[in-house]
Amino acid sequence: MTAPVSRGRYVFRAAGLLASTALLVLVVVASIAIGAKQVPVGDVWHGLMHSSGAGTDVLIREVRVPRTVLGLLVGAALGVAGAVMQALTRNPIAEPGILGVNAGAAAAVVSAMSFLGISSFTGYVWFAFIGAAVVSALVYALSGGRGATPVRLALAGTALTAALYGYVNAVQLLNSAALDQMRFWTVGSLASADEDVISQVWPFVAVGLVLALLIARPLNAMAMGDDTARALGAHLTRTRVLAMVAVTLLCGAATAACGPIVFIGLMVPHVVRAITGPDMRWVLPYAAVLSPVLLLGADVVGRVITRPAELQVGIVTALIGGPVFIFLVRRRRMAQL
């Protein structure tokens, strides 16, 4: 009787992944077709198929298409990073933003912009990686290392995040010359997307995604506890190191490209696990598909609700994610009573 059930569950998951991919395609189309400036559907299609140099064609090919592609990359990076962190820490509220990883990358990039005069993605992406890695190590150490609990991790991450964003705000206020360059970046925005940024960010995201997929099976074993994972043959130290490298690559590249965007890595894995269960071999592909759906959807909303101006996607995701985070924490607390 177990074989038919397993096969049925596999078919259900596969069908869900196909449906999620179809939803992603629809959101991609919406991201290209809908924006702060209203463009007729015929002009959108013409802009995709031709390059006449007209204003509408330039808008579609050089602004909306790169913005959509960057949203795909950044969304997949943040969603997969959040799923890996939740599995690694066995903490359902773990997320790059909550645990300070994004804040570390942001603080390092702002320092590079303000004090070293670095303004290109090629220059400050390495600072984003360093900042993300250092804060990851600090959060892990401050929360007790191997004895870290979900509460300690969340507290340490929250404390470091508050301190680092205080530092970021102070640097912005003291360096007025760099303020205009940093002010949209620090709230999280896809508006600065172009082909150069995409060509530089995708290799880091690709490597991070591959690493995350390679450790899906040992992460499943670690979910049952360290002793059980060892008995099943999982190499715990190697898995933790590879997981942190993957998270650092994904969060560092995403944050360097468009600033710190929070809650994507928290919300999507929870939705995914409701569909797939805890199996990381399915959670990660689902997260890679559904996270861009949320990010691009939020970006489209931000472009529409304040026409002809735009509301940065980082603000929209924060407005959505705050209540969701409170709900998850309260639900977890009630479950423990």
Protein backbone atom coordinates (compact mmCIF):
# COMPACT_ATOMS: atom_id res chain seq x y z
CA MET A 1 0.00 0.00 0.00
CA THR A 2 2.94 2.36 0.55
CA ALA A 3 4.08 2.35 -3.08
CA PRO A 4 0.86 3.82 -4.51
CA VAL A 5 0.81 6.45 -1.76
CA SER A 6 4.44 7.40 -2.46
CA ARG A 7 3.79 7.50 -6.19
CA GLY A 8 0.68 9.60 -5.66
CA ARG A 9 2.59 12.04 -3.49
CA TYR A 10 5.34 12.26 -6.09
CA VAL A 11 2.79 13.03 -8.80
CA PHE A 12 1.18 15.66 -6.57
CA ARG A 13 4.51 17.36 -5.90
CA ALA A 14 5.53 17.25 -9.56
CA ALA A 15 2.18 18.68 -10.63
CA GLY A 16 2.50 21.40 -8.02
CA LEU A 17 5.95 22.31 -9.28
CA LEU A 18 4.63 22.55 -12.84
CA ALA A 19 1.74 24.74 -11.66
CA SER A 20 4.19 26.93 -9.75
CA THR A 21 6.32 27.30 -12.86
CA ALA A 22 3.24 28.31 -14.87
CA LEU A 23 2.42 30.91 -12.21
CA LEU A 24 5.98 32.21 -12.44
CA VAL A 25 5.61 32.61 -16.21
CA LEU A 26 2.44 34.67 -15.68
CA VAL A 27 4.17 36.91 -13.13
CA VAL A 28 7.14 37.37 -15.50
CA VAL A 29 4.74 38.48 -18.24
CA ALA A 30 3.06 40.88 -15.81
CA SER A 31 6.44 42.28 -14.73
CA ILE A 32 7.33 43.08 -18.33
CA ALA A 33 3.90 44.37 -19.36
CA ILE A 34 2.91 46.37 -16.25
CA GLY A 35 4.78 49.29 -14.79
CA ALA A 36 4.66 52.87 -13.58
CA LYS A 37 4.13 53.89 -17.20
CA GLN A 38 1.18 52.28 -18.94
CA VAL A 39 2.19 50.63 -22.21
CA PRO A 40 -0.32 48.99 -24.61
CA VAL A 41 0.07 45.25 -25.03
CA GLY A 42 0.90 45.64 -28.72
CA ASP A 43 3.75 48.02 -27.90
CA VAL A 44 5.06 45.60 -25.26
CA TRP A 45 5.17 42.80 -27.82
CA HIS A 46 6.83 45.08 -30.38
CA GLY A 47 9.46 46.06 -27.83
CA LEU A 48 10.26 42.43 -27.11
CA MET A 49 10.52 41.41 -30.74
CA HIS A 50 12.15 44.52 -32.25
CA SER A 51 14.75 47.10 -31.34
CA SER A 52 13.76 50.21 -33.23
CA GLY A 53 15.22 52.69 -30.76
CA ALA A 54 11.79 54.09 -29.96
CA GLY A 55 11.10 55.12 -26.39
CA THR A 56 8.72 52.25 -25.69
CA ASP A 57 11.09 49.66 -27.16
CA VAL A 58 13.92 50.97 -25.02
CA LEU A 59 11.69 50.89 -21.93
CA ILE A 60 10.77 47.24 -22.51
CA ARG A 61 14.14 45.86 -23.62
CA GLU A 62 16.52 47.89 -21.48
CA VAL A 63 14.48 48.53 -18.34
CA ARG A 64 11.69 46.02 -17.73
CA VAL A 65 13.32 42.87 -19.12
CA PRO A 66 16.58 43.28 -17.12
CA ARG A 67 14.52 44.21 -14.06
CA THR A 68 12.48 41.03 -14.43
CA VAL A 69 15.53 38.83 -14.96
CA LEU A 70 17.22 40.31 -11.89
CA GLY A 71 14.03 39.68 -9.91
CA LEU A 72 14.13 36.04 -10.97
CA LEU A 73 17.73 35.65 -9.83
CA VAL A 74 17.37 37.54 -6.56
CA GLY A 75 14.05 35.90 -5.67
CA ALA A 76 15.44 32.40 -6.22
CA ALA A 77 18.57 33.26 -4.24
CA LEU A 78 16.70 34.62 -1.21
CA GLY A 79 14.08 31.85 -1.16
CA VAL A 80 16.60 29.02 -1.37
CA ALA A 81 18.88 30.72 1.18
CA GLY A 82 15.99 30.98 3.62
CA ALA A 83 15.03 27.32 3.14
CA VAL A 84 18.64 26.22 3.71
CA MET A 85 18.96 28.33 6.86
CA GLN A 86 15.73 26.98 8.30
CA ALA A 87 16.84 23.41 7.66
CA LEU A 88 20.36 24.00 8.94
CA THR A 89 19.26 25.62 12.20
CA ARG A 90 16.07 23.56 12.56
CA ASN A 91 14.43 26.92 13.17
CA PRO A 92 11.25 27.72 11.19
CA ILE A 93 11.70 31.47 11.64
CA ALA A 94 15.30 31.54 10.39
CA GLU A 95 15.77 33.87 7.43
CA PRO A 96 18.72 35.81 6.02
CA GLY A 97 17.12 39.11 7.02
CA ILE A 98 16.12 38.04 10.52
CA LEU A 99 19.48 36.39 11.28
CA GLY A 100 21.42 39.46 10.17
CA VAL A 101 23.01 38.09 7.00
CA ASN A 102 21.47 40.74 4.77
CA ALA A 103 22.34 43.45 7.29
CA GLY A 104 25.98 42.33 7.32
CA ALA A 105 26.15 42.46 3.55
CA ALA A 106 24.45 45.86 3.52
CA ALA A 107 26.81 47.33 6.14
CA ALA A 108 29.86 46.12 4.22
CA VAL A 109 28.58 47.48 0.90
CA VAL A 110 27.65 50.87 2.39
CA SER A 111 31.13 51.08 3.94
CA ALA A 112 32.71 50.33 0.57
CA MET A 113 30.56 52.96 -1.14
CA SER A 114 31.10 55.67 1.45
CA PHE A 115 34.70 55.25 2.59
CA LEU A 116 36.39 53.63 -0.41
CA GLY A 117 34.44 55.30 -3.20
CA ILE A 118 33.43 51.99 -4.77
CA SER A 119 30.31 52.37 -6.86
CA SER A 120 30.23 49.40 -9.23
CA PHE A 121 28.75 45.98 -8.58
CA THR A 122 32.07 44.33 -9.45
CA GLY A 123 33.75 46.33 -6.73
CA TYR A 124 31.37 45.97 -3.81
CA VAL A 125 30.02 42.45 -4.38
CA TRP A 126 33.06 41.07 -2.57
CA PHE A 127 32.34 43.31 0.39
CA ALA A 128 28.79 41.93 0.44
CA PHE A 129 30.15 38.38 0.64
CA ILE A 130 32.55 39.29 3.44
CA GLY A 131 29.86 41.10 5.42
CA ALA A 132 27.39 38.22 5.04
CA ALA A 133 30.00 35.64 6.10
CA VAL A 134 31.22 37.62 9.12
CA VAL A 135 27.72 38.24 10.46
CA SER A 136 26.75 34.60 9.92
CA ALA A 137 29.73 33.54 12.03
CA LEU A 138 28.96 36.16 14.70
CA VAL A 139 25.32 35.13 15.01
CA TYR A 140 26.32 31.48 15.31
CA ALA A 141 28.95 32.29 17.97
CA LEU A 142 26.78 34.68 20.00
CA SER A 143 23.92 32.19 20.09
CA GLY A 144 26.08 29.48 21.63
CA GLY A 145 27.68 27.70 18.68
CA ARG A 146 26.63 24.08 18.58
CA GLY A 147 24.36 24.72 21.53
CA ALA A 148 22.44 27.40 19.66
CA THR A 149 18.68 27.33 20.05
CA PRO A 150 16.12 28.92 17.72
CA VAL A 151 15.41 31.65 20.28
CA ARG A 152 19.10 32.47 20.74
CA LEU A 153 19.68 32.58 17.00
CA ALA A 154 16.73 34.93 16.50
CA LEU A 155 17.81 37.19 19.37
CA ALA A 156 21.42 37.36 18.22
CA GLY A 157 20.38 38.04 14.65
CA THR A 158 17.88 40.71 15.68
CA ALA A 159 20.44 42.48 17.88
CA LEU A 160 23.11 42.49 15.18
CA THR A 161 20.60 43.57 12.54
CA ALA A 162 19.51 46.56 14.64
CA ALA A 163 23.12 47.57 15.31
CA LEU A 164 24.19 47.20 11.69
CA TYR A 165 21.25 49.12 10.26
CA GLY A 166 21.90 51.84 12.83
CA TYR A 167 25.44 51.99 11.47
CA VAL A 168 24.14 52.08 7.88
CA ASN A 169 21.80 54.98 8.70
CA ALA A 170 24.58 56.87 10.48
CA VAL A 171 26.91 56.53 7.49
CA GLN A 172 24.19 57.80 5.18
CA LEU A 173 23.55 60.86 7.34
CA LEU A 174 27.24 61.70 7.71
CA ASN A 175 28.11 61.26 4.04
CA SER A 176 25.71 63.38 2.03
CA ALA A 177 27.62 62.78 -1.19
CA ALA A 178 26.94 59.05 -1.01
CA LEU A 179 23.39 59.43 0.33
CA ASP A 180 21.68 59.62 -3.07
CA GLN A 181 23.59 56.57 -4.28
CA MET A 182 22.67 54.52 -1.23
CA ARG A 183 19.16 55.60 -0.29
CA PHE A 184 17.26 53.48 -2.83
CA TRP A 185 19.69 50.60 -2.53
CA THR A 186 19.34 50.29 1.25
CA VAL A 187 15.56 49.81 1.11
CA GLY A 188 15.82 47.11 -1.57
CA SER A 189 15.02 47.90 -5.18
CA LEU A 190 15.15 46.27 -8.61
CA ALA A 191 15.08 49.63 -10.39
CA SER A 192 18.83 49.76 -11.06
CA ALA A 193 18.88 46.45 -12.95
CA ASP A 194 20.87 46.34 -16.18
CA GLU A 195 22.68 43.78 -18.29
CA ASP A 196 26.03 44.38 -16.58
CA VAL A 197 24.66 43.64 -13.11
CA ILE A 198 22.87 40.52 -14.35
CA SER A 199 25.97 39.20 -16.12
CA GLN A 200 27.98 39.62 -12.92
CA VAL A 201 25.44 38.33 -10.40
CA TRP A 202 24.17 35.17 -12.10
CA PRO A 203 27.36 33.06 -11.69
CA PHE A 204 27.33 33.57 -7.90
CA VAL A 205 23.63 32.73 -7.70
CA ALA A 206 24.08 29.68 -9.93
CA VAL A 207 26.92 28.29 -7.78
CA GLY A 208 24.94 28.94 -4.59
CA LEU A 209 21.86 27.18 -5.97
CA VAL A 210 23.89 24.16 -7.10
CA LEU A 211 25.57 23.87 -3.69
CA ALA A 212 22.19 24.07 -1.94
CA LEU A 213 20.72 21.33 -4.14
CA LEU A 214 23.77 19.09 -3.58
CA ILE A 215 23.29 19.14 0.19
CA ALA A 216 19.52 18.58 0.14
CA ARG A 217 19.83 14.93 1.20
CA PRO A 218 22.20 15.51 4.17
CA LEU A 219 20.01 18.43 5.27
CA ASN A 220 17.10 15.98 5.41
CA ALA A 221 19.18 13.72 7.63
CA MET A 222 20.19 16.61 9.92
CA ALA A 223 16.53 17.49 10.43
CA MET A 224 16.25 14.30 12.50
CA GLY A 225 19.06 15.33 14.85
CA ASP A 226 22.84 15.16 14.72
CA ASP A 227 23.11 11.62 16.10
CA THR A 228 20.61 10.22 13.63
CA ALA A 229 22.27 12.13 10.79
CA ARG A 230 25.65 10.59 11.64
CA ALA A 231 24.07 7.15 11.78
CA LEU A 232 22.67 7.75 8.29
CA GLY A 233 26.12 8.66 7.00
CA ALA A 234 25.76 12.45 6.79
CA HIS A 235 28.95 14.46 7.21
CA LEU A 236 27.74 17.21 9.55
CA THR A 237 30.71 19.58 9.43
CA ARG A 238 30.97 19.45 5.65
CA THR A 239 27.22 19.97 5.29
CA ARG A 240 27.24 22.98 7.61
CA VAL A 241 30.21 24.55 5.82
CA LEU A 242 28.68 24.01 2.37
CA ALA A 243 25.34 25.35 3.61
CA MET A 244 26.94 28.54 4.94
CA VAL A 245 28.94 28.97 1.73
CA ALA A 246 25.73 28.60 -0.29
CA VAL A 247 23.85 31.09 1.91
CA THR A 248 26.73 33.56 1.77
CA LEU A 249 26.94 33.37 -2.03
CA LEU A 250 23.18 33.68 -2.47
CA CYS A 251 22.61 36.47 0.05
CA GLY A 252 25.80 38.33 -0.81
CA ALA A 253 25.02 38.41 -4.53
CA ALA A 254 21.34 39.28 -4.01
CA THR A 255 22.09 42.05 -1.52
CA ALA A 256 24.89 43.53 -3.62
CA ALA A 257 22.64 43.56 -6.69
CA CYS A 258 19.55 45.26 -5.27
CA GLY A 259 20.00 45.93 -1.56
CA PRO A 260 18.67 44.11 1.51
CA ILE A 261 15.22 42.62 0.82
CA VAL A 262 13.68 40.91 3.83
CA PHE A 263 11.04 38.24 4.50
CA ILE A 264 11.23 36.49 1.10
CA GLY A 265 13.30 33.70 2.64
CA LEU A 266 10.93 33.45 5.60
CA MET A 267 7.53 33.35 3.93
CA VAL A 268 8.09 31.19 0.88
CA PRO A 269 9.64 28.10 2.59
CA HIS A 270 6.65 27.98 4.95
CA VAL A 271 4.25 27.96 2.02
CA VAL A 272 6.37 25.37 0.23
CA ARG A 273 6.52 22.96 3.17
CA ALA A 274 2.74 23.04 3.38
CA ILE A 275 2.74 21.61 -0.15
CA THR A 276 5.79 19.34 -0.21
CA GLY A 277 6.42 18.42 3.40
CA PRO A 278 9.92 18.76 4.89
CA ASP A 279 11.83 16.96 2.11
CA MET A 280 14.52 19.44 1.02
CA ARG A 281 14.83 17.73 -2.37
CA TRP A 282 11.44 19.26 -3.13
CA VAL A 283 11.51 22.31 -0.86
CA LEU A 284 14.51 23.85 -2.63
CA PRO A 285 13.17 23.63 -6.23
CA TYR A 286 9.78 24.94 -5.09
CA ALA A 287 11.45 27.82 -3.22
CA ALA A 288 13.53 28.66 -6.30
CA VAL A 289 10.33 28.96 -8.35
CA LEU A 290 7.87 30.55 -5.89
CA SER A 291 10.22 33.12 -4.34
CA PRO A 292 10.57 35.04 -7.63
CA VAL A 293 6.77 34.92 -7.89
CA LEU A 294 6.51 36.79 -4.58
CA LEU A 295 9.36 39.21 -5.34
CA LEU A 296 8.24 40.10 -8.86
CA GLY A 297 4.61 40.29 -7.74
CA ALA A 298 5.59 42.73 -4.98
CA ASP A 299 7.62 44.74 -7.48
CA VAL A 300 4.65 45.00 -9.84
CA VAL A 301 2.42 46.13 -6.95
CA GLY A 302 4.98 48.76 -5.98
CA ARG A 303 5.06 50.10 -9.53
CA VAL A 304 1.27 50.30 -9.82
CA ILE A 305 -0.04 51.64 -6.51
CA THR A 306 1.97 54.88 -6.59
CA ARG A 307 1.87 55.70 -10.31
CA PRO A 308 3.65 57.54 -11.83
CA ALA A 309 6.17 57.09 -9.01
CA GLU A 310 7.37 53.70 -7.69
CA LEU A 311 7.39 52.07 -4.26
CA GLN A 312 10.55 50.03 -3.77
CA VAL A 313 10.05 46.28 -3.62
CA GLY A 314 11.87 46.06 -0.28
CA ILE A 315 9.17 48.23 1.30
CA VAL A 316 6.36 46.14 -0.18
CA THR A 317 7.86 42.84 1.02
CA ALA A 318 8.40 44.33 4.49
CA LEU A 319 4.77 45.45 4.66
CA ILE A 320 3.67 41.94 3.72
CA GLY A 321 6.26 40.07 5.74
CA GLY A 322 5.87 41.88 9.07
CA PRO A 323 2.37 40.56 9.83
CA VAL A 324 3.33 37.12 8.48
CA PHE A 325 6.33 36.97 10.83
CA ILE A 326 4.19 37.94 13.83
CA PHE A 327 1.66 35.26 12.89
CA LEU A 328 4.36 32.57 12.60
CA VAL A 329 5.93 33.50 15.95
CA ARG A 330 2.56 33.53 17.72
CA ARG A 331 1.58 30.20 16.16
CA ARG A 332 4.87 28.64 17.24
CA ARG A 333 4.46 30.03 20.76
CA MET A 334 0.91 28.67 21.04
CA ALA A 335 2.12 25.26 19.85
CA GLN A 336 4.65 25.19 22.67
CA LEU A 337 2.06 25.95 25.38
